[in-house]
C-alpha atoms as a PDB file:
ATOM      1  CA  MET A   1     209.562 175.867   6.417  1.00  0.00           C
ATOM      2  CA  THR A   2     209.654 176.107   2.377  1.00  0.00           C
ATOM      3  CA  VAL A   3     208.074 173.215   0.537  1.00  0.00           C
ATOM      4  CA  THR A   4     208.057 172.859  -3.482  1.00  0.00           C
ATOM      5  CA  ILE A   5     205.731 171.021  -5.187  1.00  0.00           C
ATOM      6  CA  GLU A   6     205.301 170.766  -8.438  1.00  0.00           C
ATOM      7  CA  LEU A   7     201.759 170.769  -9.990  1.00  0.00           C
ATOM      8  CA  LYS A   8     199.529 169.342 -12.810  1.00  0.00           C
ATOM      9  CA  PRO A   9     198.869 172.780 -14.606  1.00  0.00           C
ATOM     10  CA  GLU A  10     195.154 171.456 -14.679  1.00  0.00           C
ATOM     11  CA  LEU A  11     195.743 171.563 -11.142  1.00  0.00           C
ATOM     12  CA  GLU A  12     197.747 175.332 -11.403  1.00  0.00           C
ATOM     13  CA  LYS A  13     194.607 176.700 -12.739  1.00  0.00           C
ATOM     14  CA  ARG A  14     192.452 175.249 -10.543  1.00  0.00           C
ATOM     15  CA  LEU A  15     194.467 176.850  -7.831  1.00  0.00           C
ATOM     16  CA  ALA A  16     194.926 180.276  -8.931  1.00  0.00           C
ATOM     17  CA  GLN A  17     191.027 180.544  -9.993  1.00  0.00           C
ATOM     18  CA  LYS A  18     190.006 179.433  -6.303  1.00  0.00           C
ATOM     19  CA  ALA A  19     192.706 181.845  -4.469  1.00  0.00           C
ATOM     20  CA  GLU A  20     190.517 184.305  -7.088  1.00  0.00           C
ATOM     21  CA  GLU A  21     187.578 183.548  -5.441  1.00  0.00           C
ATOM     22  CA  LYS A  22     188.476 184.019  -2.772  1.00  0.00           C
ATOM     23  CA  GLY A  23     190.661 187.165  -2.746  1.00  0.00           C
ATOM     24  CA  LEU A  24     194.341 185.696  -1.855  1.00  0.00           C
ATOM     25  CA  PRO A  25     197.097 185.030  -3.762  1.00  0.00           C
ATOM     26  CA  ILE A  26     197.880 181.961  -4.059  1.00  0.00           C
ATOM     27  CA  GLU A  27     200.471 182.031  -1.559  1.00  0.00           C
ATOM     28  CA  ALA A  28     198.083 182.506   1.178  1.00  0.00           C
ATOM     29  CA  TYR A  29     195.308 180.737  -0.508  1.00  0.00           C
ATOM     30  CA  ILE A  30     197.141 177.110   0.253  1.00  0.00           C
ATOM     31  CA  GLU A  31     198.286 178.589   3.283  1.00  0.00           C
ATOM     32  CA  VAL A  32     194.610 179.541   5.200  1.00  0.00           C
ATOM     33  CA  PHE A  33     193.759 175.007   3.367  1.00  0.00           C
ATOM     34  CA  ILE A  34     196.405 174.664   4.941  1.00  0.00           C
ATOM     35  CA  GLU A  35     195.706 175.247   7.987  1.00  0.00           C
ATOM     36  CA  SER A  36     191.756 175.060   7.864  1.00  0.00           C
ATOM     37  CA  THR A  37     193.048 172.064   6.889  1.00  0.00           C
ATOM     38  CA  PHE A  38     194.783 170.565  10.734  1.00  0.00           C
ATOM     39  CA  ALA A  39     194.348 173.577  12.984  1.00  0.00           C
ATOM     40  CA  GLY A  40     190.914 172.077  14.277  1.00  0.00           C
ATOM     41  CA  ASP A  41     190.818 168.528  12.564  1.00  0.00           C
ATOM     42  CA  LEU A  42     194.586 167.388  14.862  1.00  0.00           C
ATOM     43  CA  ALA A  43     193.315 169.936  18.079  1.00  0.00           C
ATOM     44  CA  ASN A  44     189.749 168.733  17.827  1.00  0.00           C
ATOM     45  CA  GLY A  45     189.284 165.048  16.358  1.00  0.00           C
ATOM     46  CA  GLN A  46     187.441 166.537  14.056  1.00  0.00           C
ATOM     47  CA  THR A  47     186.511 165.861  10.472  1.00  0.00           C
ATOM     48  CA  GLU A  48     186.685 167.721   7.729  1.00  0.00           C
ATOM     49  CA  LYS A  49     183.077 169.054   7.299  1.00  0.00           C
ATOM     50  CA  ALA A  50     181.673 167.882   4.073  1.00  0.00           C
ATOM     51  CA  PHE A  51     181.290 170.400   0.561  1.00  0.00           C
ATOM     52  CA  TYR A  52     177.850 171.022   0.988  1.00  0.00           C
ATOM     53  CA  GLU A  53     178.341 172.369   4.820  1.00  0.00           C
ATOM     54  CA  THR A  54     181.004 174.882   3.431  1.00  0.00           C
ATOM     55  CA  ALA A  55     180.253 175.119  -0.337  1.00  0.00           C
ATOM     56  CA  THR A  56     179.588 178.376  -2.254  1.00  0.00           C
ATOM     57  CA  LYS A  57     177.338 179.313  -4.363  1.00  0.00           C
ATOM     58  CA  GLU A  58     180.144 179.597  -7.001  1.00  0.00           C
ATOM     59  CA  GLU A  59     181.809 176.155  -5.678  1.00  0.00           C
ATOM     60  CA  TRP A  60     177.824 174.823  -5.682  1.00  0.00           C
ATOM     61  CA  LEU A  61     177.760 176.066  -9.930  1.00  0.00           C
ATOM     62  CA  ALA A  62     181.028 175.693 -10.980  1.00  0.00           C
ATOM     63  CA  GLU A  63     180.837 171.581  -9.525  1.00  0.00           C
ATOM     64  CA  PHE A  64     177.045 171.479 -11.294  1.00  0.00           C
ATOM     65  CA  HIS A  65     178.764 172.533 -14.157  1.00  0.00           C
ATOM     66  CA  LYS A  66     182.067 170.147 -14.104  1.00  0.00           C
ATOM     67  CA  TRP A  67     178.805 167.850 -13.899  1.00  0.00           C
ATOM     68  CA  ILE A  68     176.318 168.389 -16.240  1.00  0.00           C
ATOM     69  CA  ASP A  69     180.077 168.363 -18.924  1.00  0.00           C
ATOM     70  CA  SER A  70     180.811 165.266 -17.223  1.00  0.00           C
ATOM     71  CA  GLN A  71     177.577 163.800 -19.172  1.00  0.00           C
ATOM     72  CA  LYS A  72     177.952 164.957 -22.851  1.00  0.00           C
ATOM     73  CA  GLU A  73     180.754 162.122 -23.481  1.00  0.00           C
ATOM     74  CA  LYS A  74     177.748 160.118 -22.269  1.00  0.00           C
ATOM     75  CA  ASN A  75     175.634 158.659 -25.159  1.00  0.00           C
ATOM     76  CA  TYR A  76     172.185 158.694 -23.458  1.00  0.00           C
ATOM     77  CA  PRO A  77     168.513 158.238 -26.330  1.00  0.00           C
ATOM     78  CA  SER A  78     166.883 161.543 -26.418  1.00  0.00           C
ATOM     79  CA  ILE A  79     162.968 161.107 -25.309  1.00  0.00           C
ATOM     80  CA  SER A  80     160.611 162.192 -27.542  1.00  0.00           C
ATOM     81  CA  ASP A  81     158.448 164.840 -26.777  1.00  0.00           C
ATOM     82  CA  GLU A  82     155.100 162.660 -27.670  1.00  0.00           C
ATOM     83  CA  MET A  83     156.910 160.241 -24.963  1.00  0.00           C
ATOM     84  CA  LEU A  84     157.028 163.303 -22.866  1.00  0.00           C
ATOM     85  CA  ARG A  85     153.287 164.532 -22.629  1.00  0.00           C
ATOM     86  CA  ARG A  86     150.839 164.202 -19.386  1.00  0.00           C
ATOM     87  CA  GLU A  87     149.047 161.514 -21.193  1.00  0.00           C
ATOM     88  CA  LYS A  88     151.642 159.508 -22.338  1.00  0.00           C
ATOM     89  CA  ILE A  89     153.758 159.474 -18.616  1.00  0.00           C
ATOM     90  CA  TYR A  90     149.653 158.365 -16.400  1.00  0.00           C
ATOM     91  CA  GLU A  91     148.572 156.878 -19.554  1.00  0.00           C
ATOM     92  CA  ASP A  92     147.877 153.634 -16.739  1.00  0.00           C
ATOM     93  CA  ARG A  93     145.581 156.356 -15.197  1.00  0.00           C
ATOM     94  CA  LEU A  94     143.308 157.870 -17.887  1.00  0.00           C
END
């Protein structure tokens, strides 16, 4: 069966990156992804494994950096070095 899917450019880029990380052409990566998602799950009644169970070191780093980048848009107040001093944090114990 042949299926044609129009992907958003950013999704296509991410897909190409994942395929490259696995050393596969995009078409082969998609086929492996679909097979791994449905083959065992449907036959055994299993659900998809959690990210922490299957992610590689590179995938963890990519997600962490994505999270860091998402925090840049937020306008959190900064904490002064003085407020982070041990004496200030534990002033009720001195």
